[in-house]
N, C-alpha and C. Protein backbone atom coordinates (compact mmCIF):
# COMPACT_ATOMS: atom_id res chain seq x y z
N UNK A 1 0.56 -0.74 0.31
CA UNK A 1 0.08 0.41 0.15
C UNK A 1 1.05 1.59 -0.16
N UNK A 2 0.57 2.42 -1.13
CA UNK A 2 1.56 3.55 -0.63
C UNK A 2 0.68 4.28 0.09
N UNK A 3 1.80 5.34 0.58
CA UNK A 3 1.66 6.50 1.34
C UNK A 3 1.28 7.22 0.73
N UNK A 4 0.83 8.36 1.58
CA UNK A 4 -0.04 9.72 1.28
C UNK A 4 1.18 10.57 1.00
N UNK A 5 1.72 11.75 0.58
CA UNK A 5 2.34 12.82 0.44
C UNK A 5 1.72 14.09 1.28
N UNK A 6 2.48 13.94 2.46
CA UNK A 6 2.08 14.83 3.58
C UNK A 6 2.87 16.23 2.99
N UNK A 7 2.34 17.55 3.93
CA UNK A 7 3.11 18.71 2.95
C UNK A 7 4.45 18.58 4.60
N UNK A 8 5.27 19.16 4.21
CA UNK A 8 6.19 19.80 4.84
C UNK A 8 6.76 20.95 4.94
N UNK A 9 6.99 21.60 6.03
CA UNK A 9 7.58 22.63 6.07
C UNK A 9 9.16 23.11 6.01
N UNK A 10 9.53 23.43 5.31
CA UNK A 10 10.89 23.75 4.87
C UNK A 10 11.43 25.06 5.73
N UNK A 11 12.16 25.36 6.23
CA UNK A 11 12.96 26.51 6.78
C UNK A 11 14.13 26.67 6.48
N UNK A 12 14.52 28.03 5.73
CA UNK A 12 15.38 28.59 5.70
C UNK A 12 16.05 29.60 6.50
N UNK A 13 16.95 29.39 7.40
CA UNK A 13 17.28 30.70 7.78
C UNK A 13 18.78 31.35 7.99
N UNK A 14 18.66 32.36 7.46
CA UNK A 14 20.26 33.28 6.91
C UNK A 14 20.89 33.14 8.37
N UNK A 15 22.24 32.47 9.00
CA UNK A 15 22.99 32.64 10.16
C UNK A 15 23.86 33.77 9.67
N UNK A 16 24.33 34.33 8.52
CA UNK A 16 25.54 35.76 8.12
C UNK A 16 24.79 35.76 6.71
N UNK A 17 25.50 36.45 6.36
CA UNK A 17 25.10 37.52 4.18
C UNK A 17 25.12 35.91 3.50
N UNK A 18 26.18 35.13 4.01
CA UNK A 18 26.50 33.78 2.59
C UNK A 18 25.74 32.54 2.82
N UNK A 19 25.58 32.33 4.47
CA UNK A 19 25.25 31.02 5.15
C UNK A 19 23.75 30.82 5.24
N UNK A 20 23.48 29.69 4.97
CA UNK A 20 21.73 29.39 5.36
C UNK A 20 21.72 28.16 6.09
N UNK A 21 20.98 28.23 6.98
CA UNK A 21 20.67 26.38 7.65
C UNK A 21 19.13 26.55 7.19
N UNK A 22 19.25 25.13 6.57
CA UNK A 22 17.91 24.46 6.10
C UNK A 22 17.74 23.60 7.17
N UNK A 23 16.14 23.54 7.59
CA UNK A 23 15.66 22.99 8.99
C UNK A 23 14.00 22.37 8.10
N UNK A 24 14.00 21.30 8.62
CA UNK A 24 12.65 20.76 8.76
C UNK A 24 12.00 19.78 9.89
N UNK A 25 10.88 19.85 10.45
CA UNK A 25 10.55 20.12 11.71
C UNK A 25 11.30 19.56 12.43
N UNK A 26 12.04 21.20 12.81
CA UNK A 26 12.81 21.43 13.62
C UNK A 26 13.78 20.52 13.50
N UNK A 27 14.34 19.80 12.72
CA UNK A 27 15.80 18.82 12.03
C UNK A 27 16.21 19.61 10.92
N UNK A 28 17.83 19.38 11.82
CA UNK A 28 18.75 20.70 11.08
C UNK A 28 19.14 19.86 9.91
N UNK A 29 19.00 19.91 8.71
CA UNK A 29 19.45 19.13 7.82
C UNK A 29 21.27 19.52 7.16
N UNK A 30 21.35 20.73 7.88
CA UNK A 30 22.22 20.92 7.33
C UNK A 30 22.87 22.92 6.83
N UNK A 31 24.06 22.89 6.18
CA UNK A 31 23.94 24.55 5.99
C UNK A 31 24.39 24.62 3.96
N UNK A 32 24.33 25.68 3.70
CA UNK A 32 24.75 26.27 2.36
C UNK A 32 25.59 27.53 2.74
N UNK A 33 26.80 27.62 1.99
CA UNK A 33 27.12 28.35 2.05
C UNK A 33 27.96 29.06 0.53
N UNK A 34 26.93 30.55 0.02
CA UNK A 34 26.82 30.75 -0.82
C UNK A 34 28.08 31.54 -1.59
N UNK A 35 29.06 31.94 -0.57
CA UNK A 35 30.05 32.39 -0.71
C UNK A 35 31.13 32.15 -1.65
N UNK A 36 31.28 30.94 -2.09
CA UNK A 36 32.16 30.56 -3.33
C UNK A 36 30.98 29.84 -4.55
N UNK A 37 31.93 29.89 -5.87
CA UNK A 37 31.33 29.27 -6.32
C UNK A 37 31.89 28.01 -7.14
N UNK A 38 31.59 26.78 -6.59
CA UNK A 38 30.01 26.29 -6.79
C UNK A 38 29.84 26.22 -5.20
N UNK A 39 28.81 26.18 -4.76
CA UNK A 39 28.16 26.37 -3.47
C UNK A 39 28.48 25.21 -2.73
N UNK A 40 29.01 25.36 -1.26
CA UNK A 40 29.28 24.46 -0.34
C UNK A 40 28.32 23.66 0.45
N UNK A 41 27.63 23.29 0.38
CA UNK A 41 26.33 22.24 1.27
C UNK A 41 27.19 21.01 2.35
N UNK A 42 27.30 21.83 3.57
CA UNK A 42 27.06 21.10 4.47
C UNK A 42 26.26 20.03 5.17
N UNK A 43 26.51 19.09 5.27
CA UNK A 43 25.10 17.96 6.05
C UNK A 43 24.98 17.72 7.74
N UNK A 44 24.31 17.57 8.21
CA UNK A 44 24.25 17.68 9.76
C UNK A 44 25.22 16.41 10.28
N UNK A 45 25.96 16.04 9.46
CA UNK A 45 26.84 14.95 9.88
C UNK A 45 28.09 14.77 9.92
N UNK A 46 28.45 16.22 9.24
CA UNK A 46 29.63 16.85 8.34
C UNK A 46 29.96 16.89 7.62
N UNK A 47 29.63 15.93 6.50
CA UNK A 47 30.07 15.77 4.96
C UNK A 47 29.58 16.80 4.38
N UNK A 48 30.70 17.20 3.57
CA UNK A 48 30.19 18.87 2.15
C UNK A 48 29.95 17.54 1.03
N UNK A 49 29.56 19.07 -0.07
CA UNK A 49 29.21 18.54 -1.02
C UNK A 49 29.53 19.54 -1.89
N UNK A 50 29.14 19.91 -3.24
CA UNK A 50 29.14 20.78 -3.56
C UNK A 50 27.95 21.08 -4.75
N UNK A 51 27.43 22.37 -5.07
CA UNK A 51 26.04 22.62 -6.24
C UNK A 51 26.27 23.55 -6.93
N UNK A 52 25.60 23.06 -7.78
CA UNK A 52 25.71 24.69 -8.73
C UNK A 52 25.11 26.03 -8.60
N UNK A 53 23.79 25.97 -7.43
CA UNK A 53 22.65 26.77 -7.49
C UNK A 53 22.23 26.24 -6.16
N UNK A 54 21.40 27.30 -5.62
CA UNK A 54 20.98 27.28 -4.32
C UNK A 54 19.86 26.36 -4.38
N UNK A 55 19.18 26.05 -5.29
CA UNK A 55 17.87 24.99 -5.54
C UNK A 55 18.48 23.35 -5.29
N UNK A 56 19.90 23.41 -6.46
CA UNK A 56 19.99 22.20 -6.58
C UNK A 56 20.61 21.70 -4.82
N UNK A 57 21.09 22.95 -4.41
CA UNK A 57 21.74 22.66 -2.62
C UNK A 57 20.57 21.80 -1.91
N UNK A 58 19.74 22.57 -1.79
CA UNK A 58 18.53 22.45 -0.96
C UNK A 58 17.85 20.98 -1.29
N UNK A 59 18.34 20.82 -2.44
CA UNK A 59 17.80 19.48 -2.88
C UNK A 59 18.70 18.36 -2.71
N UNK A 60 19.61 18.49 -2.51
CA UNK A 60 20.52 17.39 -1.61
C UNK A 60 20.53 17.40 -0.30
N UNK A 61 20.21 18.32 0.16
CA UNK A 61 19.99 18.36 1.47
C UNK A 61 18.24 17.53 1.95
N UNK A 62 17.27 17.53 1.01
CA UNK A 62 16.18 17.22 1.18
C UNK A 62 16.57 15.68 0.43
N UNK A 63 16.87 15.16 -0.52
CA UNK A 63 17.58 14.05 -0.58
C UNK A 63 17.86 12.80 0.43
N UNK A 64 18.67 13.64 1.04
CA UNK A 64 19.43 12.95 2.44
C UNK A 64 18.54 12.55 3.56
N UNK A 65 17.89 13.91 3.92
CA UNK A 65 16.84 13.84 4.62
C UNK A 65 15.80 12.40 4.60
N UNK A 66 15.60 12.25 2.75
CA UNK A 66 14.61 11.34 2.91
C UNK A 66 14.73 10.22 2.52
N UNK A 67 16.16 9.57 2.80
CA UNK A 67 16.69 8.95 2.46
C UNK A 67 17.12 8.19 3.68
N UNK A 68 17.38 8.89 4.87
CA UNK A 68 17.47 8.39 6.21
C UNK A 68 16.19 8.65 7.34
N UNK A 69 15.13 8.77 6.90
CA UNK A 69 13.90 9.03 7.41
C UNK A 69 12.81 8.39 6.39
C-alpha cells in the first residue's frame, strides 16, 4: 500500500550574509554556503558536497533527509 504525500514545512534561516541553514520539523538538515562558486553544502553529519545553485543545494539536503527518515 502506498503512502500519501504529506506537506512538509521547510525553513531557511540566514545565519550570516552567505550561509543559510535548512530545517525540517525542527531537524537541522545542514547549511549552504553561498560565498564561493560552486556552493558548499554541509550536511548535519559533517560531510560536504558542492552544488551549482541554491535549489540544487537544498534538493541534495532534502534527498539526504528523505533517505534516512
